[in-house]
Structure formats: structure tokens, C-alpha cells
Amino acid sequence: MPKKHQKSSEMLRHLSNDDKVMFLSELLQATDQSISEGSFDAINLCIENWKDTVELLSMPGLKNRVWAQFTKLKEAGCIS
């Protein structure tokens, strides 16, 4: 049985099912791009961007605080 990579498992633990689907979709697009360009740059960039997202999602309560502030701004008519 293949050994799980610690960082990959940790990354996926913080993503919702919808986020996992989005991540995998973007990773597949990056893989196609990397194949056509003959470079891993697109894959590396995709993973780095998602690492940043996961870092934010891993902060306890941050997502709820951000959505609460977003809701207040939307209700005040500041954003649509």
C-alpha cells in the first residue's frame, strides 16, 4: 500500500468537499499546461496557491469571522 504524504493529507484535511473538487480540477488543468509547456511551473504555482488558501482555512474561526463581516457589508449595501 502506498505511503501517504504527510503534507498532502494535512492540506486536504482543511478543504471542504467542494474545495477539494475545485483543487483537483485546477491541478488537472495545471498538469495539462505543464505537459504542453514541458515545465512543472503551473503545477507548482497551483499547489502554492492552494497552500496559501489552506493556511487561511486552518486558522480557527477565521472563515466564520470573514463571512460575518461579508454579510454585514452586503446588508449595508457596500457590496453586491
Protein backbone atom coordinates (compact mmCIF):
# COMPACT_ATOMS: atom_id res chain seq x y z
CA MET A 1 0.00 0.00 0.00
CA PRO A 2 1.41 3.45 -0.92
CA LYS A 3 2.55 5.63 1.92
CA LYS A 4 0.56 8.86 2.39
CA HIS A 5 2.46 12.09 2.13
CA GLN A 6 2.03 13.97 5.42
CA LYS A 7 1.68 17.45 3.90
CA SER A 8 -0.84 16.35 1.27
CA SER A 9 -3.07 14.75 3.88
CA GLU A 10 -2.78 17.84 6.07
CA MET A 11 -3.71 20.11 3.15
CA LEU A 12 -6.77 18.11 2.17
CA ARG A 13 -7.99 17.88 5.78
CA HIS A 14 -8.80 21.60 5.81
CA LEU A 15 -10.67 21.69 2.49
CA SER A 16 -14.41 21.22 2.13
CA ASN A 17 -15.60 18.65 -0.42
CA ASP A 18 -16.37 21.47 -2.87
CA ASP A 19 -12.89 22.94 -2.34
CA LYS A 20 -11.32 19.51 -2.92
CA VAL A 21 -13.16 19.22 -6.25
CA MET A 22 -12.01 22.73 -7.22
CA PHE A 23 -8.42 21.97 -6.17
CA LEU A 24 -8.30 18.75 -8.16
CA SER A 25 -9.84 20.46 -11.20
CA GLU A 26 -7.25 23.25 -11.06
CA LEU A 27 -4.47 20.72 -10.52
CA LEU A 28 -5.57 18.76 -13.61
CA GLN A 29 -5.61 21.98 -15.67
CA ALA A 30 -2.14 22.84 -14.34
CA THR A 31 -0.97 19.33 -15.24
CA ASP A 32 -2.22 19.73 -18.82
CA GLN A 33 -0.49 23.11 -19.02
CA SER A 34 2.72 21.67 -17.61
CA ILE A 35 2.69 18.85 -20.14
CA SER A 36 2.21 21.25 -23.05
CA GLU A 37 4.93 23.61 -21.74
CA GLY A 38 7.34 20.90 -20.65
CA SER A 39 7.66 22.52 -17.22
CA PHE A 40 6.32 21.90 -13.72
CA ASP A 41 5.80 25.64 -13.12
CA ALA A 42 1.99 25.55 -13.49
CA ILE A 43 1.69 22.59 -11.09
CA ASN A 44 3.98 24.23 -8.54
CA LEU A 45 2.05 27.51 -8.74
CA CYS A 46 -1.29 25.73 -8.33
CA ILE A 47 -0.10 23.87 -5.24
CA GLU A 48 1.49 27.00 -3.73
CA ASN A 49 -1.74 28.97 -4.23
CA TRP A 50 -3.77 26.23 -2.56
CA LYS A 51 -1.27 26.02 0.31
CA ASP A 52 -1.99 29.70 0.99
CA THR A 53 -5.74 29.00 0.95
CA VAL A 54 -5.34 26.03 3.28
CA GLU A 55 -3.23 28.10 5.67
CA LEU A 56 -6.07 30.62 5.97
CA LEU A 57 -8.71 27.90 6.30
CA SER A 58 -6.72 26.22 9.07
CA MET A 59 -6.96 29.31 11.31
CA PRO A 60 -9.67 28.58 13.90
CA GLY A 61 -12.76 30.73 13.40
CA LEU A 62 -11.33 32.82 10.56
CA LYS A 63 -13.80 31.62 7.94
CA ASN A 64 -16.80 32.39 10.17
CA ARG A 65 -15.45 35.86 11.05
CA VAL A 66 -14.83 36.70 7.39
CA TRP A 67 -18.32 35.54 6.35
CA ALA A 68 -19.90 37.51 9.21
CA GLN A 69 -18.10 40.66 8.08
CA PHE A 70 -19.04 39.98 4.44
CA THR A 71 -22.70 39.59 5.44
CA LYS A 72 -22.63 42.90 7.33
CA LEU A 73 -21.09 44.70 4.35
CA LYS A 74 -23.64 43.14 1.99
CA GLU A 75 -26.57 44.07 4.24
CA ALA A 76 -25.26 47.65 4.46
CA GLY A 77 -25.22 47.81 0.66
CA CYS A 78 -21.45 48.27 0.48
CA ILE A 79 -21.08 45.21 -1.77
CA SER A 80 -23.42 43.31 -4.00
